[in-house]
Amino acid sequence: MNDVVRVPAGEFQKNVGRYSEVSLSRPVVITHNGRDRNVYISHAEYERLKRRDREVLALGDFTDDDLKAIRATRPMPSAARFDDELE
């Protein structure tokens, strides 16, 4: 998918039709006071994301390289606050 398009909320409201067309090929990020607030995407992209959200992988779905990469991964120092959940 191409780069996102960022547009202020007022501009988006004035040109909804235009950004509706743009959203068919790339996400449109709607900003408010310079901050990202919402993302306008096509229905097809929404459905693709929903399907992916529900994808469940079993251990057998991972390749040896995947498992090697997972084993080599180390948590960020900020994750230490969750260490008590390992017990």
N, C-alpha and C. Protein backbone atom coordinates (compact mmCIF):
# COMPACT_ATOMS: atom_id res chain seq x y z
N MET A 1 0.85 -1.18 0.00
CA MET A 1 0.00 0.00 0.00
C MET A 1 0.89 1.24 0.00
N ASN A 2 0.49 2.27 -0.71
CA ASN A 2 1.27 3.50 -0.80
C ASN A 2 1.31 4.22 0.53
N ASP A 3 2.11 5.26 0.59
CA ASP A 3 2.22 6.08 1.79
C ASP A 3 0.86 6.66 2.16
N VAL A 4 0.73 6.99 3.42
CA VAL A 4 -0.52 7.59 3.90
C VAL A 4 -0.62 9.04 3.47
N VAL A 5 -1.84 9.54 3.47
CA VAL A 5 -2.12 10.96 3.22
C VAL A 5 -2.59 11.54 4.53
N ARG A 6 -1.99 12.64 4.97
CA ARG A 6 -2.42 13.31 6.21
C ARG A 6 -3.19 14.57 5.84
N VAL A 7 -4.31 14.75 6.50
CA VAL A 7 -5.16 15.90 6.18
C VAL A 7 -5.82 16.41 7.47
N PRO A 8 -5.86 17.72 7.66
CA PRO A 8 -6.56 18.28 8.82
C PRO A 8 -8.06 17.97 8.74
N ALA A 9 -8.70 17.86 9.89
CA ALA A 9 -10.12 17.50 9.95
C ALA A 9 -10.99 18.44 9.13
N GLY A 10 -10.73 19.74 9.19
CA GLY A 10 -11.53 20.70 8.43
C GLY A 10 -11.42 20.47 6.93
N GLU A 11 -10.22 20.23 6.45
CA GLU A 11 -10.00 19.94 5.03
C GLU A 11 -10.71 18.65 4.64
N PHE A 12 -10.63 17.65 5.51
CA PHE A 12 -11.31 16.38 5.25
C PHE A 12 -12.81 16.59 5.12
N GLN A 13 -13.40 17.36 6.04
CA GLN A 13 -14.84 17.61 6.01
C GLN A 13 -15.27 18.31 4.73
N LYS A 14 -14.46 19.22 4.25
CA LYS A 14 -14.80 19.97 3.04
C LYS A 14 -14.68 19.12 1.78
N ASN A 15 -13.86 18.08 1.83
CA ASN A 15 -13.58 17.28 0.64
C ASN A 15 -13.71 15.78 0.90
N VAL A 16 -14.77 15.39 1.58
CA VAL A 16 -14.97 13.98 1.93
C VAL A 16 -14.95 13.10 0.68
N GLY A 17 -15.60 13.52 -0.38
CA GLY A 17 -15.65 12.72 -1.60
C GLY A 17 -14.26 12.46 -2.17
N ARG A 18 -13.46 13.50 -2.19
CA ARG A 18 -12.09 13.36 -2.70
C ARG A 18 -11.30 12.36 -1.86
N TYR A 19 -11.36 12.50 -0.53
CA TYR A 19 -10.58 11.62 0.33
C TYR A 19 -11.17 10.22 0.39
N SER A 20 -12.45 10.09 0.10
CA SER A 20 -13.04 8.77 -0.02
C SER A 20 -12.40 8.01 -1.18
N GLU A 21 -12.18 8.70 -2.28
CA GLU A 21 -11.50 8.09 -3.43
C GLU A 21 -10.05 7.77 -3.11
N VAL A 22 -9.37 8.68 -2.44
CA VAL A 22 -7.97 8.47 -2.08
C VAL A 22 -7.84 7.23 -1.20
N SER A 23 -8.80 7.05 -0.28
CA SER A 23 -8.72 5.94 0.67
C SER A 23 -8.83 4.57 0.00
N LEU A 24 -9.24 4.53 -1.25
CA LEU A 24 -9.30 3.26 -1.97
C LEU A 24 -7.91 2.74 -2.28
N SER A 25 -6.91 3.62 -2.32
CA SER A 25 -5.56 3.19 -2.65
C SER A 25 -4.55 3.38 -1.52
N ARG A 26 -4.89 4.21 -0.53
CA ARG A 26 -3.99 4.43 0.60
C ARG A 26 -4.76 5.02 1.78
N PRO A 27 -4.27 4.79 2.98
CA PRO A 27 -4.96 5.33 4.16
C PRO A 27 -4.91 6.85 4.20
N VAL A 28 -5.97 7.44 4.71
CA VAL A 28 -6.04 8.88 4.91
C VAL A 28 -6.07 9.11 6.42
N VAL A 29 -5.02 9.75 6.94
CA VAL A 29 -4.94 10.05 8.36
C VAL A 29 -5.54 11.44 8.57
N ILE A 30 -6.55 11.51 9.41
CA ILE A 30 -7.23 12.77 9.70
C ILE A 30 -6.63 13.32 10.99
N THR A 31 -6.13 14.55 10.90
CA THR A 31 -5.48 15.15 12.06
C THR A 31 -6.38 16.19 12.71
N HIS A 32 -6.12 16.43 13.98
CA HIS A 32 -6.83 17.46 14.74
C HIS A 32 -5.78 18.17 15.58
N ASN A 33 -5.65 19.46 15.39
CA ASN A 33 -4.61 20.24 16.07
C ASN A 33 -3.22 19.64 15.85
N GLY A 34 -2.99 19.17 14.63
CA GLY A 34 -1.69 18.63 14.27
C GLY A 34 -1.39 17.22 14.76
N ARG A 35 -2.35 16.59 15.41
CA ARG A 35 -2.16 15.24 15.93
C ARG A 35 -3.02 14.24 15.17
N ASP A 36 -2.45 13.08 14.88
CA ASP A 36 -3.21 12.03 14.21
C ASP A 36 -4.37 11.60 15.09
N ARG A 37 -5.60 11.60 14.51
CA ARG A 37 -6.78 11.24 15.30
C ARG A 37 -7.51 10.02 14.75
N ASN A 38 -7.72 9.98 13.46
CA ASN A 38 -8.47 8.90 12.84
C ASN A 38 -7.80 8.49 11.55
N VAL A 39 -8.14 7.28 11.09
CA VAL A 39 -7.64 6.81 9.79
C VAL A 39 -8.83 6.36 8.97
N TYR A 40 -8.91 6.88 7.76
CA TYR A 40 -9.99 6.55 6.83
C TYR A 40 -9.40 5.57 5.82
N ILE A 41 -9.96 4.35 5.79
CA ILE A 41 -9.46 3.32 4.89
C ILE A 41 -10.61 2.72 4.10
N SER A 42 -10.26 2.03 3.03
CA SER A 42 -11.29 1.39 2.21
C SER A 42 -11.91 0.21 2.97
N HIS A 43 -13.09 -0.17 2.55
CA HIS A 43 -13.75 -1.32 3.16
C HIS A 43 -12.92 -2.58 2.95
N ALA A 44 -12.33 -2.73 1.77
CA ALA A 44 -11.50 -3.91 1.48
C ALA A 44 -10.31 -3.99 2.44
N GLU A 45 -9.68 -2.86 2.72
CA GLU A 45 -8.55 -2.85 3.65
C GLU A 45 -9.02 -3.16 5.06
N TYR A 46 -10.16 -2.63 5.44
CA TYR A 46 -10.73 -2.93 6.76
C TYR A 46 -10.97 -4.43 6.91
N GLU A 47 -11.58 -5.04 5.91
CA GLU A 47 -11.86 -6.48 5.95
C GLU A 47 -10.56 -7.29 6.00
N ARG A 48 -9.54 -6.86 5.26
CA ARG A 48 -8.25 -7.56 5.27
C ARG A 48 -7.64 -7.50 6.68
N LEU A 49 -7.71 -6.34 7.30
CA LEU A 49 -7.18 -6.20 8.65
C LEU A 49 -7.96 -7.04 9.67
N LYS A 50 -9.27 -7.08 9.53
CA LYS A 50 -10.09 -7.88 10.44
C LYS A 50 -9.77 -9.36 10.30
N ARG A 51 -9.59 -9.84 9.07
CA ARG A 51 -9.23 -11.25 8.88
C ARG A 51 -7.89 -11.54 9.53
N ARG A 52 -6.95 -10.66 9.35
CA ARG A 52 -5.61 -10.85 9.91
C ARG A 52 -5.66 -10.82 11.43
N ASP A 53 -6.51 -9.98 11.98
CA ASP A 53 -6.65 -9.87 13.42
C ASP A 53 -7.08 -11.21 14.03
N ARG A 54 -7.82 -11.98 13.29
CA ARG A 54 -8.35 -13.24 13.80
C ARG A 54 -7.46 -14.44 13.47
N GLU A 55 -6.35 -14.21 12.79
CA GLU A 55 -5.47 -15.29 12.40
C GLU A 55 -4.76 -15.86 13.62
N VAL A 56 -4.84 -17.17 13.77
CA VAL A 56 -4.20 -17.84 14.88
C VAL A 56 -3.16 -18.80 14.30
N LEU A 57 -1.95 -18.71 14.81
CA LEU A 57 -0.88 -19.57 14.34
C LEU A 57 -0.57 -20.63 15.39
N ALA A 58 -0.32 -21.84 14.92
CA ALA A 58 0.13 -22.92 15.79
C ALA A 58 1.65 -22.98 15.71
N LEU A 59 2.26 -23.62 16.66
CA LEU A 59 3.72 -23.72 16.69
C LEU A 59 4.26 -24.31 15.38
N GLY A 60 3.52 -25.27 14.81
CA GLY A 60 3.95 -25.90 13.56
C GLY A 60 3.91 -24.97 12.35
N ASP A 61 3.27 -23.80 12.48
CA ASP A 61 3.20 -22.84 11.39
C ASP A 61 4.49 -22.03 11.25
N PHE A 62 5.34 -22.08 12.27
CA PHE A 62 6.58 -21.31 12.26
C PHE A 62 7.71 -22.11 11.65
N THR A 63 8.53 -21.46 10.87
CA THR A 63 9.72 -22.11 10.30
C THR A 63 10.81 -22.15 11.36
N ASP A 64 11.84 -22.94 11.10
CA ASP A 64 12.98 -22.98 12.03
C ASP A 64 13.61 -21.60 12.18
N ASP A 65 13.68 -20.84 11.07
CA ASP A 65 14.22 -19.48 11.14
C ASP A 65 13.35 -18.57 12.00
N ASP A 66 12.02 -18.74 11.89
CA ASP A 66 11.10 -17.96 12.74
C ASP A 66 11.37 -18.24 14.21
N LEU A 67 11.46 -19.52 14.55
CA LEU A 67 11.68 -19.91 15.94
C LEU A 67 13.03 -19.43 16.45
N LYS A 68 14.04 -19.50 15.60
CA LYS A 68 15.37 -19.01 15.98
C LYS A 68 15.31 -17.51 16.28
N ALA A 69 14.60 -16.75 15.43
CA ALA A 69 14.48 -15.30 15.63
C ALA A 69 13.71 -14.99 16.91
N ILE A 70 12.67 -15.76 17.20
CA ILE A 70 11.89 -15.56 18.43
C ILE A 70 12.76 -15.82 19.65
N ARG A 71 13.53 -16.90 19.61
CA ARG A 71 14.39 -17.24 20.75
C ARG A 71 15.46 -16.18 20.98
N ALA A 72 15.92 -15.54 19.92
CA ALA A 72 16.97 -14.53 20.03
C ALA A 72 16.45 -13.17 20.48
N THR A 73 15.14 -13.01 20.50
CA THR A 73 14.54 -11.73 20.87
C THR A 73 14.64 -11.49 22.37
N ARG A 74 14.96 -10.27 22.73
CA ARG A 74 15.04 -9.89 24.14
C ARG A 74 14.05 -8.76 24.39
N PRO A 75 13.37 -8.80 25.54
CA PRO A 75 12.39 -7.74 25.84
C PRO A 75 13.07 -6.40 26.09
N MET A 76 12.31 -5.35 25.86
CA MET A 76 12.79 -4.01 26.16
C MET A 76 12.88 -3.87 27.67
N PRO A 77 13.81 -3.05 28.17
CA PRO A 77 13.92 -2.86 29.62
C PRO A 77 12.60 -2.44 30.27
N SER A 78 11.78 -1.68 29.57
CA SER A 78 10.50 -1.22 30.15
C SER A 78 9.53 -2.37 30.40
N ALA A 79 9.78 -3.53 29.79
CA ALA A 79 8.90 -4.69 29.99
C ALA A 79 9.14 -5.37 31.33
N ALA A 80 10.20 -4.99 32.03
CA ALA A 80 10.53 -5.63 33.32
C ALA A 80 9.38 -5.50 34.33
N ARG A 81 8.57 -4.49 34.17
CA ARG A 81 7.47 -4.31 35.13
C ARG A 81 6.44 -5.44 35.06
N PHE A 82 6.52 -6.28 34.01
CA PHE A 82 5.58 -7.39 33.88
C PHE A 82 6.19 -8.72 34.34
N ASP A 83 7.43 -8.70 34.84
CA ASP A 83 8.11 -9.92 35.24
C ASP A 83 7.33 -10.73 36.27
N ASP A 84 6.60 -10.06 37.14
CA ASP A 84 5.84 -10.79 38.16
C ASP A 84 4.74 -11.66 37.56
N GLU A 85 4.34 -11.39 36.33
CA GLU A 85 3.31 -12.19 35.68
C GLU A 85 3.85 -13.54 35.21
N LEU A 86 5.16 -13.71 35.19
CA LEU A 86 5.78 -14.97 34.77
C LEU A 86 5.71 -16.03 35.84
N GLU A 87 5.43 -15.63 37.07
CA GLU A 87 5.40 -16.57 38.18
C GLU A 87 4.07 -17.23 38.31
